[in-house]
């Protein structure tokens, strides 16, 4: 398979048998991955993994080494480009859980999102281990459909003393905004899917020190809140962004994480752009 291979691993304070059950038992996998329609039991098995009401993966089991390794082919919504996933349980306790996913694409945005998704999934798995249910059909608190999503917080130091990056005359040179009049009406996320506008519902300016935006990341959900602030000293400027409100979005956890991470990548790129305007 051409493209790019993503790898991520985590050390877990548990024995190999318990971690293996978290991978293949439907009731346990719900805590970190999604709702398996049945336990994973044999090769050539085909099943779905639902990570939310609109987020489903079709999985084909390719190889099983009981207690140690699981390989499967995966397609988002059953129609997207295939990827080949290998999960390995290494050691006896504590164990290292390692995933490698061979993608049929190599664009940086896709690679970034896949790596972050596995990081989020493994974080949920580690959190679920102390309260893993005794039986394969038990319900699990903190399943893949909920959970807090961390705020975005990024900053950048600019070697440009005296520059006013939040002044209206220069703001559009680096911040991805547009609109027919002032204040702007749209904030743009630009990634492998192209530029996507998100409505700005609130706009507040405090001199040239701070801009606060209410951005409608999901139609019908409360707007997320982004603050862009600047602090100046004699030799440099510091730009800071804090973007909150992700847990309130009416989406399943993985979809929220993907959206939040795309905004994170946009803010990181935006601050880099400010440094070179």
Protein backbone atom coordinates (compact mmCIF):
# COMPACT_ATOMS: atom_id res chain seq x y z
CA UNK A 1 0.00 0.00 0.00
CA UNK A 2 1.40 3.38 -1.02
CA UNK A 3 1.15 6.42 1.21
CA UNK A 4 2.41 6.85 4.73
CA UNK A 5 2.64 4.72 7.87
CA UNK A 6 1.58 6.25 11.21
CA UNK A 7 2.87 4.70 14.43
CA UNK A 8 1.85 5.40 18.02
CA UNK A 9 2.37 3.53 21.28
CA UNK A 10 1.51 3.82 24.97
CA UNK A 11 2.72 2.06 28.12
CA UNK A 12 -0.12 0.64 30.17
CA UNK A 13 0.01 -0.41 33.86
CA UNK A 14 -1.79 -3.68 33.18
CA UNK A 15 -1.17 -7.27 32.18
CA UNK A 16 -1.22 -8.44 28.57
CA UNK A 17 -4.41 -10.51 28.94
CA UNK A 18 -6.42 -7.53 30.20
CA UNK A 19 -5.16 -5.23 27.44
CA UNK A 20 -5.92 -7.89 24.81
CA UNK A 21 -9.51 -8.14 26.02
CA UNK A 22 -9.80 -4.37 25.66
CA UNK A 23 -9.01 -4.84 21.97
CA UNK A 24 -11.26 -7.77 21.03
CA UNK A 25 -14.20 -7.78 23.48
CA UNK A 26 -17.04 -5.64 22.19
CA UNK A 27 -18.12 -4.50 25.67
CA UNK A 28 -14.60 -3.37 26.60
CA UNK A 29 -13.68 -1.82 23.24
CA UNK A 30 -16.64 0.54 23.64
CA UNK A 31 -14.72 2.45 26.32
CA UNK A 32 -11.97 3.63 24.00
CA UNK A 33 -12.60 2.71 20.36
CA UNK A 34 -16.31 2.48 19.62
CA UNK A 35 -19.24 0.09 19.50
CA UNK A 36 -18.16 -3.16 17.91
CA UNK A 37 -21.14 -5.03 16.54
CA UNK A 38 -19.64 -8.24 17.96
CA UNK A 39 -16.46 -9.58 19.58
CA UNK A 40 -13.42 -10.03 17.34
CA UNK A 41 -12.93 -13.80 17.21
CA UNK A 42 -11.47 -15.01 13.89
CA UNK A 43 -9.78 -14.01 10.66
CA UNK A 44 -11.87 -13.08 7.62
CA UNK A 45 -14.42 -11.60 10.02
CA UNK A 46 -16.20 -8.45 8.84
CA UNK A 47 -17.75 -6.00 11.31
CA UNK A 48 -18.44 -2.34 11.99
CA UNK A 49 -17.08 -0.03 14.66
CA UNK A 50 -19.40 2.90 15.42
CA UNK A 51 -17.65 5.85 17.06
CA UNK A 52 -20.78 8.00 16.94
CA UNK A 53 -24.11 8.51 15.24
CA UNK A 54 -22.44 9.57 11.99
CA UNK A 55 -18.98 8.02 12.37
CA UNK A 56 -18.63 4.35 11.38
CA UNK A 57 -15.70 2.21 10.28
CA UNK A 58 -15.96 -1.04 8.31
CA UNK A 59 -13.32 -3.50 9.51
CA UNK A 60 -12.04 -6.73 7.93
CA UNK A 61 -9.94 -8.93 10.26
CA UNK A 62 -6.76 -10.09 8.48
CA UNK A 63 -4.70 -11.77 11.22
CA UNK A 64 -4.93 -12.68 14.92
CA UNK A 65 -2.15 -13.84 17.20
CA UNK A 66 -4.17 -14.43 20.40
CA UNK A 67 -3.03 -12.19 23.22
CA UNK A 68 -0.39 -10.48 21.11
CA UNK A 69 -1.33 -9.05 17.71
CA UNK A 70 -4.39 -8.03 15.72
CA UNK A 71 -4.33 -6.93 12.08
CA UNK A 72 -7.26 -5.55 10.14
CA UNK A 73 -8.16 -3.47 7.11
CA UNK A 74 -10.31 -0.42 7.82
CA UNK A 75 -12.44 1.95 5.75
CA UNK A 76 -14.20 5.01 7.16
CA UNK A 77 -17.94 4.76 6.35
CA UNK A 78 -17.00 1.61 4.46
CA UNK A 79 -16.15 3.60 1.32
CA UNK A 80 -13.12 5.76 2.04
CA UNK A 81 -9.58 4.68 1.04
CA UNK A 82 -8.49 1.55 2.88
CA UNK A 83 -5.85 1.55 5.59
CA UNK A 84 -4.05 -1.42 7.13
CA UNK A 85 -3.89 -1.43 10.94
CA UNK A 86 -1.74 -3.58 13.23
CA UNK A 87 -2.18 -3.54 17.04
CA UNK A 88 0.52 -5.24 19.12
CA UNK A 89 0.59 -6.01 22.85
CA UNK A 90 4.27 -6.05 23.86
CA UNK A 91 5.54 -7.38 27.19
CA UNK A 92 3.66 -9.02 30.03
CA UNK A 93 3.05 -6.21 32.51
CA UNK A 94 3.30 -3.33 32.34
CA UNK A 95 2.73 -3.70 28.62
CA UNK A 96 3.29 -1.46 25.62
CA UNK A 97 0.43 -1.20 23.17
CA UNK A 98 1.61 -0.21 19.71
CA UNK A 99 -0.39 0.64 16.61
CA UNK A 100 0.84 1.06 13.06
CA UNK A 101 -1.56 2.22 10.36
CA UNK A 102 -0.53 2.21 6.70
CA UNK A 103 -2.49 4.93 4.92
CA UNK A 104 -3.37 5.16 1.25
CA UNK A 105 -2.45 8.86 1.42
CA UNK A 106 0.49 10.95 2.54
CA UNK A 107 -0.86 14.49 2.75
CA UNK A 108 0.24 16.12 6.03
CA UNK A 109 -3.29 16.94 7.26
CA UNK A 110 -4.47 13.33 6.98
CA UNK A 111 -1.33 11.95 8.62
CA UNK A 112 -1.65 14.46 11.45
CA UNK A 113 -5.31 13.62 12.06
CA UNK A 114 -4.75 9.84 12.08
CA UNK A 115 -1.87 10.12 14.56
CA UNK A 116 -3.95 12.35 16.86
CA UNK A 117 -6.94 9.99 16.67
CA UNK A 118 -4.85 7.05 17.86
CA UNK A 119 -3.40 9.19 20.64
CA UNK A 120 -6.92 10.11 21.79
CA UNK A 121 -8.06 6.47 21.58
CA UNK A 122 -5.11 5.19 23.59
CA UNK A 123 -5.65 7.92 26.19
CA UNK A 124 -9.23 6.71 26.59
CA UNK A 125 -8.08 3.10 26.78
CA UNK A 126 -5.57 3.91 29.53
CA UNK A 127 -8.27 5.79 31.47
CA UNK A 128 -10.71 2.88 31.13
CA UNK A 129 -8.36 0.14 32.33
CA UNK A 130 -8.94 0.57 36.11
CA UNK A 131 -12.71 0.33 35.63
CA UNK A 132 -12.88 -2.23 32.83
CA UNK A 133 -16.02 -4.39 33.15
CA UNK A 134 -15.85 -8.02 34.22
CA UNK A 135 -17.81 -9.40 31.27
CA UNK A 136 -17.72 -8.78 27.52
CA UNK A 137 -21.28 -7.47 27.41
CA UNK A 138 -21.09 -4.99 30.28
CA UNK A 139 -21.59 -1.29 29.81
CA UNK A 140 -18.63 1.04 30.26
CA UNK A 141 -18.62 4.54 31.68
CA UNK A 142 -16.88 7.11 29.53
CA UNK A 143 -17.59 5.36 26.21
CA UNK A 144 -16.44 6.70 22.90
CA UNK A 145 -19.51 8.91 22.57
CA UNK A 146 -18.57 11.37 25.34
CA UNK A 147 -15.79 12.88 27.39
CA UNK A 148 -14.13 16.29 27.75
CA UNK A 149 -12.15 17.71 24.84
CA UNK A 150 -9.17 19.89 25.85
CA UNK A 151 -8.97 23.55 24.94
CA UNK A 152 -6.67 24.79 22.20
CA UNK A 153 -3.79 26.85 23.58
CA UNK A 154 -0.95 27.98 21.31
CA UNK A 155 1.50 30.86 21.39
CA UNK A 156 4.30 32.34 19.31
CA UNK A 157 7.07 34.86 20.04
CA UNK A 158 7.64 37.41 17.27
CA UNK A 159 10.88 39.33 16.91
CA UNK A 160 8.96 42.43 15.84
CA UNK A 161 8.84 44.99 18.67
CA UNK A 162 6.45 47.80 17.91
CA UNK A 163 4.32 45.84 15.43
CA UNK A 164 0.58 45.76 16.12
CA UNK A 165 -0.66 42.44 14.68
CA UNK A 166 -4.21 42.92 15.98
CA UNK A 167 -4.67 46.32 14.37
CA UNK A 168 -7.50 46.30 11.85
CA UNK A 169 -5.23 47.48 9.03
CA UNK A 170 -2.94 44.41 9.23
CA UNK A 171 -5.15 41.74 10.80
CA UNK A 172 -6.26 40.31 7.47
CA UNK A 173 -2.65 39.79 6.38
CA UNK A 174 -2.24 36.76 8.66
CA UNK A 175 -5.55 35.82 10.31
CA UNK A 176 -7.86 33.71 8.03
CA UNK A 177 -10.90 36.01 8.00
CA UNK A 178 -13.26 37.37 5.37
CA UNK A 179 -16.53 39.26 4.94
CA UNK A 180 -18.13 42.07 2.96
CA UNK A 181 -17.79 44.57 5.78
CA UNK A 182 -16.26 45.01 9.24
CA UNK A 183 -16.26 43.06 11.48
CA UNK A 184 -15.48 39.89 9.48
CA UNK A 185 -18.19 37.24 9.08
CA UNK A 186 -16.11 34.11 8.44
CA UNK A 187 -13.16 32.27 9.96
CA UNK A 188 -11.43 29.78 7.66
CA UNK A 189 -9.94 26.37 8.35
CA UNK A 190 -7.65 25.31 5.50
CA UNK A 191 -6.53 21.68 5.29
CA UNK A 192 -6.55 18.72 2.90
CA UNK A 193 -10.28 19.29 2.31
CA UNK A 194 -9.64 22.85 1.16
CA UNK A 195 -10.75 26.13 2.78
CA UNK A 196 -13.88 25.84 4.92
CA UNK A 197 -15.64 28.94 6.30
CA UNK A 198 -17.14 28.96 9.80
CA UNK A 199 -19.52 31.79 10.82
CA UNK A 200 -18.30 34.36 13.32
CA UNK A 201 -21.29 35.02 15.60
CA UNK A 202 -19.59 37.39 18.04
CA UNK A 203 -16.71 39.81 17.63
CA UNK A 204 -15.12 41.86 20.40
CA UNK A 205 -11.97 44.00 20.29
CA UNK A 206 -10.05 45.49 23.22
CA UNK A 207 -7.85 48.18 21.65
CA UNK A 208 -4.97 46.36 19.87
CA UNK A 209 -4.40 43.90 22.71
CA UNK A 210 -7.16 41.32 22.33
CA UNK A 211 -9.74 40.01 19.87
CA UNK A 212 -12.49 37.63 21.00
CA UNK A 213 -14.47 35.61 18.46
CA UNK A 214 -17.52 33.42 18.85
CA UNK A 215 -17.09 30.82 16.07
CA UNK A 216 -19.93 28.48 15.08
CA UNK A 217 -17.96 25.27 14.60
CA UNK A 218 -21.15 23.15 14.41
CA UNK A 219 -24.50 24.50 13.27
CA UNK A 220 -27.01 24.53 16.13
CA UNK A 221 -24.39 24.06 18.88
CA UNK A 222 -23.16 26.83 21.18
CA UNK A 223 -20.35 28.79 19.50
CA UNK A 224 -16.78 28.01 20.44
CA UNK A 225 -14.86 30.93 21.94
CA UNK A 226 -11.48 32.02 20.57
CA UNK A 227 -9.31 34.74 22.08
CA UNK A 228 -6.26 36.13 20.31
CA UNK A 229 -4.08 38.30 22.57
CA UNK A 230 -0.79 40.09 22.17
CA UNK A 231 1.75 41.09 24.82
CA UNK A 232 4.59 43.44 23.92
CA UNK A 233 7.94 44.11 25.53
CA UNK A 234 11.03 46.04 24.47
CA UNK A 235 12.44 43.37 22.15
CA UNK A 236 9.57 41.11 21.04
CA UNK A 237 5.86 40.35 20.90
CA UNK A 238 4.00 37.29 22.11
CA UNK A 239 0.85 36.17 20.31
CA UNK A 240 -1.43 33.81 22.25
CA UNK A 241 -4.53 31.91 21.16
CA UNK A 242 -6.99 30.14 23.45
CA UNK A 243 -9.94 28.40 21.80
CA UNK A 244 -12.53 26.78 24.08
CA UNK A 245 -15.96 25.15 24.00
CA UNK A 246 -15.25 21.87 22.19
CA UNK A 247 -16.98 19.57 24.69
CA UNK A 248 -20.31 21.38 24.19
CA UNK A 249 -20.51 20.55 20.48
CA UNK A 250 -23.32 18.19 19.47
CA UNK A 251 -20.99 15.57 17.96
CA UNK A 252 -19.60 12.20 18.95
CA UNK A 253 -16.17 12.27 20.59
CA UNK A 254 -14.03 11.28 17.62
CA UNK A 255 -15.74 13.76 15.28
CA UNK A 256 -15.25 16.53 17.86
CA UNK A 257 -11.60 15.54 18.24
CA UNK A 258 -11.03 15.66 14.48
CA UNK A 259 -12.70 19.08 14.21
CA UNK A 260 -10.82 20.46 17.21
CA UNK A 261 -7.50 19.17 15.83
CA UNK A 262 -8.15 20.79 12.46
CA UNK A 263 -8.72 24.12 14.20
CA UNK A 264 -5.54 23.50 16.23
CA UNK A 265 -3.52 22.95 13.05
CA UNK A 266 -5.03 26.12 11.56
CA UNK A 267 -4.12 28.21 14.61
CA UNK A 268 -0.56 26.83 14.61
CA UNK A 269 -0.18 27.65 10.92
CA UNK A 270 -1.75 31.07 11.46
CA UNK A 271 0.77 32.04 14.13
CA UNK A 272 3.61 30.85 11.91
CA UNK A 273 2.19 33.03 9.17
CA UNK A 274 2.11 36.03 11.53
CA UNK A 275 5.81 35.52 12.21
CA UNK A 276 6.62 35.87 8.50
CA UNK A 277 4.21 38.57 7.31
